[in-house]
Amino acid sequence: MNNTNLLNIAFEDLFKLTLGLIVDDLKVQKHLYHLSLGGLHTTLQLDLYRGIFILAGFKESDITEKLEDWYFEQTQRVNGIEITADEKALHDLSAEILEGLLKMRNEFYVKRVGS
């Protein structure tokens, strides 16, 4: 196998990138929520969550509806946070979501290997 085209990224950078994408997704979710409160309904879908799942270690083919539902349920928690006044709470929620994704990924692949 030719390894010259492999992406080389430090774990810390990968972790920061993934957390940053979750933060961005939470901000988008919060803005869409406020638009809906104002009566505006949008079909805007950035699908950041798919990239987040891949960065968290899921294969595209292993992204299930159950995983997506769990993620969206978690992102709705941002609606209770005043993101302009409490940046720490936003980052804490992002870290909790990433931790949950990593736990689910580990459980998924342990089951797969054990089968």
PDB file of N, CA and C in Angstrom:
ATOM      1  N   MET A   1       0.842  -1.183   0.000  1.00  0.00           N
ATOM      2  CA  MET A   1       0.000   0.000   0.000  1.00  0.00           C
ATOM      3  C   MET A   1       0.882   1.239   0.000  1.00  0.00           C
ATOM      4  N   ASN A   2       0.533   2.188  -0.797  1.00  0.00           N
ATOM      5  CA  ASN A   2       1.279   3.435  -0.897  1.00  0.00           C
ATOM      6  C   ASN A   2       0.756   4.408   0.150  1.00  0.00           C
ATOM      7  N   ASN A   3       1.584   4.766   1.097  1.00  0.00           N
ATOM      8  CA  ASN A   3       1.180   5.644   2.203  1.00  0.00           C
ATOM      9  C   ASN A   3       1.463   7.114   1.934  1.00  0.00           C
ATOM     10  N   THR A   4       1.935   7.465   0.769  1.00  0.00           N
ATOM     11  CA  THR A   4       2.311   8.857   0.520  1.00  0.00           C
ATOM     12  C   THR A   4       1.117   9.796   0.486  1.00  0.00           C
ATOM     13  N   ASN A   5      -0.076   9.288   0.273  1.00  0.00           N
ATOM     14  CA  ASN A   5      -1.263  10.145   0.199  1.00  0.00           C
ATOM     15  C   ASN A   5      -2.089  10.138   1.484  1.00  0.00           C
ATOM     16  N   LEU A   6      -1.577   9.529   2.538  1.00  0.00           N
ATOM     17  CA  LEU A   6      -2.312   9.491   3.793  1.00  0.00           C
ATOM     18  C   LEU A   6      -2.322  10.862   4.460  1.00  0.00           C
ATOM     19  N   LEU A   7      -3.451  11.190   5.030  1.00  0.00           N
ATOM     20  CA  LEU A   7      -3.578  12.437   5.769  1.00  0.00           C
ATOM     21  C   LEU A   7      -2.924  12.260   7.128  1.00  0.00           C
ATOM     22  N   ASN A   8      -2.093  13.186   7.494  1.00  0.00           N
ATOM     23  CA  ASN A   8      -1.417  13.114   8.775  1.00  0.00           C
ATOM     24  C   ASN A   8      -1.867  14.308   9.605  1.00  0.00           C
ATOM     25  N   ILE A   9      -2.689  14.029  10.609  1.00  0.00           N
ATOM     26  CA  ILE A   9      -3.179  15.084  11.488  1.00  0.00           C
ATOM     27  C   ILE A   9      -3.003  14.619  12.928  1.00  0.00           C
ATOM     28  N   ALA A  10      -2.515  15.491  13.752  1.00  0.00           N
ATOM     29  CA  ALA A  10      -2.304  15.154  15.155  1.00  0.00           C
ATOM     30  C   ALA A  10      -3.646  14.934  15.838  1.00  0.00           C
ATOM     31  N   PHE A  11      -3.661  14.011  16.783  1.00  0.00           N
ATOM     32  CA  PHE A  11      -4.895  13.699  17.500  1.00  0.00           C
ATOM     33  C   PHE A  11      -5.487  14.944  18.142  1.00  0.00           C
ATOM     34  N   GLU A  12      -4.646  15.760  18.745  1.00  0.00           N
ATOM     35  CA  GLU A  12      -5.131  16.981  19.403  1.00  0.00           C
ATOM     36  C   GLU A  12      -5.818  17.910  18.402  1.00  0.00           C
ATOM     37  N   ASP A  13      -5.240  18.022  17.209  1.00  0.00           N
ATOM     38  CA  ASP A  13      -5.840  18.865  16.179  1.00  0.00           C
ATOM     39  C   ASP A  13      -7.163  18.279  15.685  1.00  0.00           C
ATOM     40  N   LEU A  14      -7.205  16.970  15.536  1.00  0.00           N
ATOM     41  CA  LEU A  14      -8.436  16.296  15.127  1.00  0.00           C
ATOM     42  C   LEU A  14      -9.530  16.532  16.174  1.00  0.00           C
ATOM     43  N   PHE A  15      -9.168  16.423  17.430  1.00  0.00           N
ATOM     44  CA  PHE A  15     -10.097  16.636  18.539  1.00  0.00           C
ATOM     45  C   PHE A  15     -10.628  18.069  18.517  1.00  0.00           C
ATOM     46  N   LYS A  16      -9.729  19.046  18.356  1.00  0.00           N
ATOM     47  CA  LYS A  16     -10.129  20.454  18.313  1.00  0.00           C
ATOM     48  C   LYS A  16     -11.020  20.742  17.106  1.00  0.00           C
ATOM     49  N   LEU A  17     -10.679  20.171  15.966  1.00  0.00           N
ATOM     50  CA  LEU A  17     -11.469  20.356  14.759  1.00  0.00           C
ATOM     51  C   LEU A  17     -12.883  19.809  14.944  1.00  0.00           C
ATOM     52  N   THR A  18     -12.978  18.622  15.511  1.00  0.00           N
ATOM     53  CA  THR A  18     -14.284  18.009  15.729  1.00  0.00           C
ATOM     54  C   THR A  18     -15.113  18.821  16.714  1.00  0.00           C
ATOM     55  N   LEU A  19     -14.498  19.246  17.800  1.00  0.00           N
ATOM     56  CA  LEU A  19     -15.218  20.092  18.766  1.00  0.00           C
ATOM     57  C   LEU A  19     -15.664  21.395  18.123  1.00  0.00           C
ATOM     58  N   GLY A  20     -14.809  21.982  17.313  1.00  0.00           N
ATOM     59  CA  GLY A  20     -15.147  23.232  16.630  1.00  0.00           C
ATOM     60  C   GLY A  20     -16.328  23.071  15.685  1.00  0.00           C
ATOM     61  N   LEU A  21     -16.379  21.948  14.979  1.00  0.00           N
ATOM     62  CA  LEU A  21     -17.510  21.691  14.085  1.00  0.00           C
ATOM     63  C   LEU A  21     -18.799  21.493  14.870  1.00  0.00           C
ATOM     64  N   ILE A  22     -18.709  20.842  16.022  1.00  0.00           N
ATOM     65  CA  ILE A  22     -19.903  20.676  16.855  1.00  0.00           C
ATOM     66  C   ILE A  22     -20.369  22.038  17.353  1.00  0.00           C
ATOM     67  N   VAL A  23     -19.439  22.884  17.789  1.00  0.00           N
ATOM     68  CA  VAL A  23     -19.794  24.243  18.222  1.00  0.00           C
ATOM     69  C   VAL A  23     -20.497  24.982  17.089  1.00  0.00           C
ATOM     70  N   ASP A  24     -19.939  24.904  15.885  1.00  0.00           N
ATOM     71  CA  ASP A  24     -20.547  25.579  14.737  1.00  0.00           C
ATOM     72  C   ASP A  24     -21.944  25.032  14.449  1.00  0.00           C
ATOM     73  N   ASP A  25     -22.095  23.722  14.532  1.00  0.00           N
ATOM     74  CA  ASP A  25     -23.401  23.112  14.288  1.00  0.00           C
ATOM     75  C   ASP A  25     -24.406  23.561  15.346  1.00  0.00           C
ATOM     76  N   LEU A  26     -23.964  23.657  16.590  1.00  0.00           N
ATOM     77  CA  LEU A  26     -24.854  24.116  17.655  1.00  0.00           C
ATOM     78  C   LEU A  26     -25.291  25.565  17.417  1.00  0.00           C
ATOM     79  N   LYS A  27     -24.381  26.396  16.953  1.00  0.00           N
ATOM     80  CA  LYS A  27     -24.730  27.790  16.654  1.00  0.00           C
ATOM     81  C   LYS A  27     -25.768  27.861  15.536  1.00  0.00           C
ATOM     82  N   VAL A  28     -25.590  27.043  14.504  1.00  0.00           N
ATOM     83  CA  VAL A  28     -26.558  27.001  13.408  1.00  0.00           C
ATOM     84  C   VAL A  28     -27.915  26.547  13.938  1.00  0.00           C
ATOM     85  N   GLN A  29     -27.917  25.498  14.764  1.00  0.00           N
ATOM     86  CA  GLN A  29     -29.170  24.989  15.332  1.00  0.00           C
ATOM     87  C   GLN A  29     -29.872  26.071  16.153  1.00  0.00           C
ATOM     88  N   LYS A  30     -29.102  26.817  16.924  1.00  0.00           N
ATOM     89  CA  LYS A  30     -29.666  27.885  17.755  1.00  0.00           C
ATOM     90  C   LYS A  30     -30.286  28.977  16.882  1.00  0.00           C
ATOM     91  N   HIS A  31     -29.608  29.363  15.823  1.00  0.00           N
ATOM     92  CA  HIS A  31     -30.138  30.397  14.923  1.00  0.00           C
ATOM     93  C   HIS A  31     -31.399  29.912  14.209  1.00  0.00           C
ATOM     94  N   LEU A  32     -31.406  28.672  13.774  1.00  0.00           N
ATOM     95  CA  LEU A  32     -32.600  28.122  13.125  1.00  0.00           C
ATOM     96  C   LEU A  32     -33.771  28.075  14.098  1.00  0.00           C
ATOM     97  N   TYR A  33     -33.477  27.758  15.347  1.00  0.00           N
ATOM     98  CA  TYR A  33     -34.511  27.729  16.384  1.00  0.00           C
ATOM     99  C   TYR A  33     -35.126  29.124  16.552  1.00  0.00           C
ATOM    100  N   HIS A  34     -34.284  30.146  16.609  1.00  0.00           N
ATOM    101  CA  HIS A  34     -34.787  31.513  16.766  1.00  0.00           C
ATOM    102  C   HIS A  34     -35.582  31.964  15.539  1.00  0.00           C
ATOM    103  N   LEU A  35     -35.149  31.559  14.365  1.00  0.00           N
ATOM    104  CA  LEU A  35     -35.920  31.865  13.160  1.00  0.00           C
ATOM    105  C   LEU A  35     -37.304  31.221  13.218  1.00  0.00           C
ATOM    106  N   SER A  36     -37.364  29.992  13.708  1.00  0.00           N
ATOM    107  CA  SER A  36     -38.653  29.308  13.795  1.00  0.00           C
ATOM    108  C   SER A  36     -39.565  29.978  14.820  1.00  0.00           C
ATOM    109  N   LEU A  37     -38.977  30.528  15.891  1.00  0.00           N
ATOM    110  CA  LEU A  37     -39.784  31.251  16.875  1.00  0.00           C
ATOM    111  C   LEU A  37     -40.400  32.497  16.267  1.00  0.00           C
ATOM    112  N   GLY A  38     -39.702  33.071  15.297  1.00  0.00           N
ATOM    113  CA  GLY A  38     -40.208  34.255  14.603  1.00  0.00           C
ATOM    114  C   GLY A  38     -41.156  33.921  13.465  1.00  0.00           C
ATOM    115  N   GLY A  39     -41.463  32.649  13.317  1.00  0.00           N
ATOM    116  CA  GLY A  39     -42.404  32.237  12.285  1.00  0.00           C
ATOM    117  C   GLY A  39     -41.776  31.882  10.953  1.00  0.00           C
ATOM    118  N   LEU A  40     -40.466  31.972  10.870  1.00  0.00           N
ATOM    119  CA  LEU A  40     -39.780  31.613   9.634  1.00  0.00           C
ATOM    120  C   LEU A  40     -39.349  30.150   9.700  1.00  0.00           C
ATOM    121  N   HIS A  41     -39.728  29.414   8.732  1.00  0.00           N
ATOM    122  CA  HIS A  41     -39.326  28.011   8.681  1.00  0.00           C
ATOM    123  C   HIS A  41     -38.406  27.833   7.490  1.00  0.00           C
ATOM    124  N   THR A  42     -37.302  27.219   7.736  1.00  0.00           N
ATOM    125  CA  THR A  42     -36.300  27.060   6.690  1.00  0.00           C
ATOM    126  C   THR A  42     -35.962  25.594   6.508  1.00  0.00           C
ATOM    127  N   THR A  43     -35.588  25.270   5.321  1.00  0.00           N
ATOM    128  CA  THR A  43     -35.165  23.903   5.036  1.00  0.00           C
ATOM    129  C   THR A  43     -33.647  23.837   4.949  1.00  0.00           C
ATOM    130  N   LEU A  44     -32.981  24.857   5.472  1.00  0.00           N
ATOM    131  CA  LEU A  44     -31.521  24.884   5.467  1.00  0.00           C
ATOM    132  C   LEU A  44     -30.986  23.651   6.180  1.00  0.00           C
ATOM    133  N   GLN A  45     -30.148  22.937   5.521  1.00  0.00           N
ATOM    134  CA  GLN A  45     -29.556  21.738   6.095  1.00  0.00           C
ATOM    135  C   GLN A  45     -28.088  21.710   5.694  1.00  0.00           C
ATOM    136  N   LEU A  46     -27.205  21.972   6.639  1.00  0.00           N
ATOM    137  CA  LEU A  46     -25.782  21.993   6.334  1.00  0.00           C
ATOM    138  C   LEU A  46     -25.147  20.609   6.409  1.00  0.00           C
ATOM    139  N   ASP A  47     -25.797  19.704   7.078  1.00  0.00           N
ATOM    140  CA  ASP A  47     -25.297  18.333   7.237  1.00  0.00           C
ATOM    141  C   ASP A  47     -23.903  18.284   7.854  1.00  0.00           C
ATOM    142  N   LEU A  48     -23.585  19.227   8.732  1.00  0.00           N
ATOM    143  CA  LEU A  48     -22.307  19.196   9.432  1.00  0.00           C
ATOM    144  C   LEU A  48     -22.161  17.918  10.254  1.00  0.00           C
ATOM    145  N   TYR A  49     -23.284  17.413  10.717  1.00  0.00           N
ATOM    146  CA  TYR A  49     -23.259  16.238  11.583  1.00  0.00           C
ATOM    147  C   TYR A  49     -22.587  15.043  10.895  1.00  0.00           C
ATOM    148  N   ARG A  50     -22.730  14.897   9.595  1.00  0.00           N
ATOM    149  CA  ARG A  50     -22.122  13.768   8.893  1.00  0.00           C
ATOM    150  C   ARG A  50     -20.587  13.842   8.975  1.00  0.00           C
ATOM    151  N   GLY A  51     -20.043  15.020   8.757  1.00  0.00           N
ATOM    152  CA  GLY A  51     -18.598  15.202   8.899  1.00  0.00           C
ATOM    153  C   GLY A  51     -18.142  14.987  10.327  1.00  0.00           C
ATOM    154  N   ILE A  52     -18.951  15.423  11.271  1.00  0.00           N
ATOM    155  CA  ILE A  52     -18.638  15.235  12.685  1.00  0.00           C
ATOM    156  C   ILE A  52     -18.585  13.745  13.005  1.00  0.00           C
ATOM    157  N   PHE A  53     -19.549  12.982  12.500  1.00  0.00           N
ATOM    158  CA  PHE A  53     -19.559  11.536  12.737  1.00  0.00           C
ATOM    159  C   PHE A  53     -18.316  10.876  12.156  1.00  0.00           C
ATOM    160  N   ILE A  54     -17.926  11.283  10.959  1.00  0.00           N
ATOM    161  CA  ILE A  54     -16.738  10.711  10.314  1.00  0.00           C
ATOM    162  C   ILE A  54     -15.490  11.046  11.141  1.00  0.00           C
ATOM    163  N   LEU A  55     -15.373  12.296  11.570  1.00  0.00           N
ATOM    164  CA  LEU A  55     -14.223  12.687  12.385  1.00  0.00           C
ATOM    165  C   LEU A  55     -14.210  11.979  13.738  1.00  0.00           C
ATOM    166  N   ALA A  56     -15.386  11.614  14.239  1.00  0.00           N
ATOM    167  CA  ALA A  56     -15.473  10.885  15.509  1.00  0.00           C
ATOM    168  C   ALA A  56     -15.168   9.399  15.324  1.00  0.00           C
ATOM    169  N   GLY A  57     -14.985   8.973  14.075  1.00  0.00           N
ATOM    170  CA  GLY A  57     -14.551   7.597  13.840  1.00  0.00           C
ATOM    171  C   GLY A  57     -15.585   6.666  13.247  1.00  0.00           C
ATOM    172  N   PHE A  58     -16.755   7.183  12.904  1.00  0.00           N
ATOM    173  CA  PHE A  58     -17.774   6.342  12.275  1.00  0.00           C
ATOM    174  C   PHE A  58     -17.503   6.257  10.776  1.00  0.00           C
ATOM    175  N   LYS A  59     -17.726   5.092  10.210  1.00  0.00           N
ATOM    176  CA  LYS A  59     -17.703   4.941   8.766  1.00  0.00           C
ATOM    177  C   LYS A  59     -19.033   5.450   8.234  1.00  0.00           C
ATOM    178  N   GLU A  60     -19.013   6.008   7.047  1.00  0.00           N
ATOM    179  CA  GLU A  60     -20.235   6.540   6.432  1.00  0.00           C
ATOM    180  C   GLU A  60     -21.355   5.497   6.438  1.00  0.00           C
ATOM    181  N   SER A  61     -21.008   4.265   6.134  1.00  0.00           N
ATOM    182  CA  SER A  61     -22.010   3.198   6.060  1.00  0.00           C
ATOM    183  C   SER A  61     -22.573   2.812   7.429  1.00  0.00           C
ATOM    184  N   ASP A  62     -21.923   3.242   8.510  1.00  0.00           N
ATOM    185  CA  ASP A  62     -22.377   2.892   9.864  1.00  0.00           C
ATOM    186  C   ASP A  62     -23.168   4.008  10.540  1.00  0.00           C
ATOM    187  N   ILE A  63     -23.424   5.086   9.822  1.00  0.00           N
ATOM    188  CA  ILE A  63     -24.220   6.182  10.376  1.00  0.00           C
ATOM    189  C   ILE A  63     -25.690   5.787  10.259  1.00  0.00           C
ATOM    190  N   THR A  64     -26.290   5.546  11.409  1.00  0.00           N
ATOM    191  CA  THR A  64     -27.663   5.057  11.444  1.00  0.00           C
ATOM    192  C   THR A  64     -28.641   6.175  11.809  1.00  0.00           C
ATOM    193  N   GLU A  65     -29.901   5.896  11.580  1.00  0.00           N
ATOM    194  CA  GLU A  65     -30.947   6.842  11.970  1.00  0.00           C
ATOM    195  C   GLU A  65     -30.952   7.023  13.482  1.00  0.00           C
ATOM    196  N   LYS A  66     -30.679   5.956  14.213  1.00  0.00           N
ATOM    197  CA  LYS A  66     -30.624   6.027  15.678  1.00  0.00           C
ATOM    198  C   LYS A  66     -29.513   6.988  16.123  1.00  0.00           C
ATOM    199  N   LEU A  67     -28.358   6.908  15.485  1.00  0.00           N
ATOM    200  CA  LEU A  67     -27.245   7.801  15.807  1.00  0.00           C
ATOM    201  C   LEU A  67     -27.611   9.242  15.485  1.00  0.00           C
ATOM    202  N   GLU A  68     -28.195   9.463  14.318  1.00  0.00           N
ATOM    203  CA  GLU A  68     -28.616  10.810  13.932  1.00  0.00           C
ATOM    204  C   GLU A  68     -29.649  11.354  14.906  1.00  0.00           C
ATOM    205  N   ASP A  69     -30.637  10.539  15.290  1.00  0.00           N
ATOM    206  CA  ASP A  69     -31.667  10.976  16.236  1.00  0.00           C
ATOM    207  C   ASP A  69     -31.045  11.367  17.572  1.00  0.00           C
ATOM    208  N   TRP A  70     -30.100  10.558  18.054  1.00  0.00           N
ATOM    209  CA  TRP A  70     -29.432  10.868  19.316  1.00  0.00           C
ATOM    210  C   TRP A  70     -28.714  12.217  19.208  1.00  0.00           C
ATOM    211  N   TYR A  71     -27.988  12.404  18.115  1.00  0.00           N
ATOM    212  CA  TYR A  71     -27.231  13.641  17.924  1.00  0.00           C
ATOM    213  C   TYR A  71     -28.160  14.851  17.907  1.00  0.00           C
ATOM    214  N   PHE A  72     -29.247  14.773  17.127  1.00  0.00           N
ATOM    215  CA  PHE A  72     -30.160  15.908  17.031  1.00  0.00           C
ATOM    216  C   PHE A  72     -30.854  16.182  18.364  1.00  0.00           C
ATOM    217  N   GLU A  73     -31.121  15.139  19.120  1.00  0.00           N
ATOM    218  CA  GLU A  73     -31.696  15.320  20.454  1.00  0.00           C
ATOM    219  C   GLU A  73     -30.720  16.091  21.342  1.00  0.00           C
ATOM    220  N   GLN A  74     -29.440  15.763  21.227  1.00  0.00           N
ATOM    221  CA  GLN A  74     -28.425  16.461  22.016  1.00  0.00           C
ATOM    222  C   GLN A  74     -28.273  17.917  21.575  1.00  0.00           C
ATOM    223  N   THR A  75     -28.308  18.158  20.264  1.00  0.00           N
ATOM    224  CA  THR A  75     -28.113  19.531  19.779  1.00  0.00           C
ATOM    225  C   THR A  75     -29.264  20.438  20.182  1.00  0.00           C
ATOM    226  N   GLN A  76     -30.436  19.885  20.406  1.00  0.00           N
ATOM    227  CA  GLN A  76     -31.573  20.703  20.830  1.00  0.00           C
ATOM    228  C   GLN A  76     -31.354  21.313  22.212  1.00  0.00           C
ATOM    229  N   ARG A  77     -30.439  20.737  22.965  1.00  0.00           N
ATOM    230  CA  ARG A  77     -30.121  21.282  24.287  1.00  0.00           C
ATOM    231  C   ARG A  77     -29.538  22.689  24.199  1.00  0.00           C
ATOM    232  N   VAL A  78     -28.994  23.055  23.024  1.00  0.00           N
ATOM    233  CA  VAL A  78     -28.413  24.387  22.854  1.00  0.00           C
ATOM    234  C   VAL A  78     -29.485  25.475  22.978  1.00  0.00           C
ATOM    235  N   ASN A  79     -30.731  25.123  22.749  1.00  0.00           N
ATOM    236  CA  ASN A  79     -31.799  26.119  22.815  1.00  0.00           C
ATOM    237  C   ASN A  79     -31.998  26.667  24.221  1.00  0.00           C
ATOM    238  N   GLY A  80     -31.495  25.988  25.218  1.00  0.00           N
ATOM    239  CA  GLY A  80     -31.574  26.466  26.594  1.00  0.00           C
ATOM    240  C   GLY A  80     -30.346  27.255  27.030  1.00  0.00           C
ATOM    241  N   ILE A  81     -29.426  27.477  26.107  1.00  0.00           N
ATOM    242  CA  ILE A  81     -28.182  28.184  26.419  1.00  0.00           C
ATOM    243  C   ILE A  81     -28.184  29.532  25.709  1.00  0.00           C
ATOM    244  N   GLU A  82     -27.809  30.564  26.432  1.00  0.00           N
ATOM    245  CA  GLU A  82     -27.631  31.879  25.815  1.00  0.00           C
ATOM    246  C   GLU A  82     -26.194  31.917  25.294  1.00  0.00           C
ATOM    247  N   ILE A  83     -26.028  31.574  24.020  1.00  0.00           N
ATOM    248  CA  ILE A  83     -24.684  31.346  23.484  1.00  0.00           C
ATOM    249  C   ILE A  83     -23.832  32.602  23.406  1.00  0.00           C
ATOM    250  N   THR A  84     -24.434  33.764  23.334  1.00  0.00           N
ATOM    251  CA  THR A  84     -23.632  34.990  23.288  1.00  0.00           C
ATOM    252  C   THR A  84     -23.109  35.362  24.667  1.00  0.00           C
ATOM    253  N   ALA A  85     -23.816  34.945  25.702  1.00  0.00           N
ATOM    254  CA  ALA A  85     -23.412  35.294  27.062  1.00  0.00           C
ATOM    255  C   ALA A  85     -22.650  34.168  27.763  1.00  0.00           C
ATOM    256  N   ASP A  86     -22.789  32.943  27.265  1.00  0.00           N
ATOM    257  CA  ASP A  86     -22.201  31.809  27.969  1.00  0.00           C
ATOM    258  C   ASP A  86     -21.481  30.881  26.993  1.00  0.00           C
ATOM    259  N   GLU A  87     -20.353  31.347  26.504  1.00  0.00           N
ATOM    260  CA  GLU A  87     -19.547  30.570  25.549  1.00  0.00           C
ATOM    261  C   GLU A  87     -19.055  29.262  26.178  1.00  0.00           C
ATOM    262  N   LYS A  88     -18.792  29.294  27.480  1.00  0.00           N
ATOM    263  CA  LYS A  88     -18.307  28.085  28.165  1.00  0.00           C
ATOM    264  C   LYS A  88     -19.368  26.982  28.125  1.00  0.00           C
ATOM    265  N   ALA A  89     -20.615  27.342  28.347  1.00  0.00           N
ATOM    266  CA  ALA A  89     -21.688  26.338  28.307  1.00  0.00           C
ATOM    267  C   ALA A  89     -21.799  25.723  26.917  1.00  0.00           C
ATOM    268  N   LEU A  90     -21.593  26.524  25.895  1.00  0.00           N
ATOM    269  CA  LEU A  90     -21.628  26.030  24.523  1.00  0.00           C
ATOM    270  C   LEU A  90     -20.505  25.020  24.287  1.00  0.00           C
ATOM    271  N   HIS A  91     -19.316  25.339  24.754  1.00  0.00           N
ATOM    272  CA  HIS A  91     -18.185  24.425  24.596  1.00  0.00           C
ATOM    273  C   HIS A  91     -18.341  23.181  25.461  1.00  0.00           C
ATOM    274  N   ASP A  92     -18.907  23.338  26.645  1.00  0.00           N
ATOM    275  CA  ASP A  92     -19.165  22.175  27.503  1.00  0.00           C
ATOM    276  C   ASP A  92     -20.156  21.222  26.847  1.00  0.00           C
ATOM    277  N   LEU A  93     -21.215  21.765  26.267  1.00  0.00           N
ATOM    278  CA  LEU A  93     -22.197  20.934  25.574  1.00  0.00           C
ATOM    279  C   LEU A  93     -21.541  20.230  24.388  1.00  0.00           C
ATOM    280  N   SER A  94     -20.705  20.931  23.657  1.00  0.00           N
ATOM    281  CA  SER A  94     -19.997  20.323  22.532  1.00  0.00           C
ATOM    282  C   SER A  94     -19.131  19.155  22.995  1.00  0.00           C
ATOM    283  N   ALA A  95     -18.430  19.346  24.092  1.00  0.00           N
ATOM    284  CA  ALA A  95     -17.578  18.286  24.638  1.00  0.00           C
ATOM    285  C   ALA A  95     -18.413  17.090  25.076  1.00  0.00           C
ATOM    286  N   GLU A  96     -19.569  17.337  25.691  1.00  0.00           N
ATOM    287  CA  GLU A  96     -20.455  16.245  26.099  1.00  0.00           C
ATOM    288  C   GLU A  96     -20.953  15.458  24.885  1.00  0.00           C
ATOM    289  N   ILE A  97     -21.297  16.177  23.825  1.00  0.00           N
ATOM    290  CA  ILE A  97     -21.780  15.516  22.612  1.00  0.00           C
ATOM    291  C   ILE A  97     -20.664  14.671  21.999  1.00  0.00           C
ATOM    292  N   LEU A  98     -19.459  15.222  21.905  1.00  0.00           N
ATOM    293  CA  LEU A  98     -18.344  14.455  21.346  1.00  0.00           C
ATOM    294  C   LEU A  98     -18.049  13.241  22.212  1.00  0.00           C
ATOM    295  N   GLU A  99     -18.075  13.406  23.510  1.00  0.00           N
ATOM    296  CA  GLU A  99     -17.841  12.276  24.406  1.00  0.00           C
ATOM    297  C   GLU A  99     -18.888  11.188  24.178  1.00  0.00           C
ATOM    298  N   GLY A 100     -20.139  11.589  24.023  1.00  0.00           N
ATOM    299  CA  GLY A 100     -21.204  10.627  23.752  1.00  0.00           C
ATOM    300  C   GLY A 100     -21.005   9.921  22.419  1.00  0.00           C
ATOM    301  N   LEU A 101     -20.593  10.660  21.398  1.00  0.00           N
ATOM    302  CA  LEU A 101     -20.323  10.057  20.089  1.00  0.00           C
ATOM    303  C   LEU A 101     -19.189   9.039  20.166  1.00  0.00           C
ATOM    304  N   LEU A 102     -18.128   9.386  20.866  1.00  0.00           N
ATOM    305  CA  LEU A 102     -16.995   8.473  20.997  1.00  0.00           C
ATOM    306  C   LEU A 102     -17.393   7.210  21.762  1.00  0.00           C
ATOM    307  N   LYS A 103     -18.210   7.376  22.778  1.00  0.00           N
ATOM    308  CA  LYS A 103     -18.689   6.221  23.537  1.00  0.00           C
ATOM    309  C   LYS A 103     -19.555   5.329  22.647  1.00  0.00           C
ATOM    310  N   MET A 104     -20.447   5.924  21.889  1.00  0.00           N
ATOM    311  CA  MET A 104     -21.310   5.156  20.999  1.00  0.00           C
ATOM    312  C   MET A 104     -20.490   4.457  19.911  1.00  0.00           C
ATOM    313  N   ARG A 105     -19.483   5.144  19.396  1.00  0.00           N
ATOM    314  CA  ARG A 105     -18.624   4.533  18.381  1.00  0.00           C
ATOM    315  C   ARG A 105     -17.916   3.312  18.942  1.00  0.00           C
ATOM    316  N   ASN A 106     -17.364   3.452  20.145  1.00  0.00           N
ATOM    317  CA  ASN A 106     -16.669   2.330  20.766  1.00  0.00           C
ATOM    318  C   ASN A 106     -17.610   1.158  21.009  1.00  0.00           C
ATOM    319  N   GLU A 107     -18.806   1.437  21.531  1.00  0.00           N
ATOM    320  CA  GLU A 107     -19.780   0.378  21.777  1.00  0.00           C
ATOM    321  C   GLU A 107     -20.182  -0.304  20.466  1.00  0.00           C
ATOM    322  N   PHE A 108     -20.376   0.481  19.409  1.00  0.00           N
ATOM    323  CA  PHE A 108     -20.780  -0.057  18.124  1.00  0.00           C
ATOM    324  C   PHE A 108     -19.727  -1.019  17.565  1.00  0.00           C
ATOM    325  N   TYR A 109     -18.493  -0.584  17.583  1.00  0.00           N
ATOM    326  CA  TYR A 109     -17.441  -1.404  16.982  1.00  0.00           C
ATOM    327  C   TYR A 109     -17.034  -2.572  17.869  1.00  0.00           C
ATOM    328  N   VAL A 110     -17.180  -2.452  19.174  1.00  0.00           N
ATOM    329  CA  VAL A 110     -16.934  -3.598  20.058  1.00  0.00           C
ATOM    330  C   VAL A 110     -17.981  -4.681  19.785  1.00  0.00           C
ATOM    331  N   LYS A 111     -19.241  -4.275  19.627  1.00  0.00           N
ATOM    332  CA  LYS A 111     -20.293  -5.240  19.289  1.00  0.00           C
ATOM    333  C   LYS A 111     -19.998  -5.915  17.953  1.00  0.00           C
ATOM    334  N   ARG A 112     -19.566  -5.133  16.992  1.00  0.00           N
ATOM    335  CA  ARG A 112     -19.287  -5.658  15.650  1.00  0.00           C
ATOM    336  C   ARG A 112     -18.147  -6.675  15.694  1.00  0.00           C
ATOM    337  N   VAL A 113     -17.081  -6.369  16.430  1.00  0.00           N
ATOM    338  CA  VAL A 113     -15.940  -7.266  16.529  1.00  0.00           C
ATOM    339  C   VAL A 113     -16.324  -8.527  17.306  1.00  0.00           C
ATOM    340  N   GLY A 114     -17.170  -8.350  18.320  1.00  0.00           N
ATOM    341  CA  GLY A 114     -17.583  -9.480  19.149  1.00  0.00           C
ATOM    342  C   GLY A 114     -18.572 -10.409  18.459  1.00  0.00           C
ATOM    343  N   SER A 115     -19.190  -9.957  17.397  1.00  0.00           N
ATOM    344  CA  SER A 115     -20.187 -10.777  16.701  1.00  0.00           C
ATOM    345  C   SER A 115     -19.559 -11.821  15.815  1.00  0.00           C
TER     346      SER A 115
END
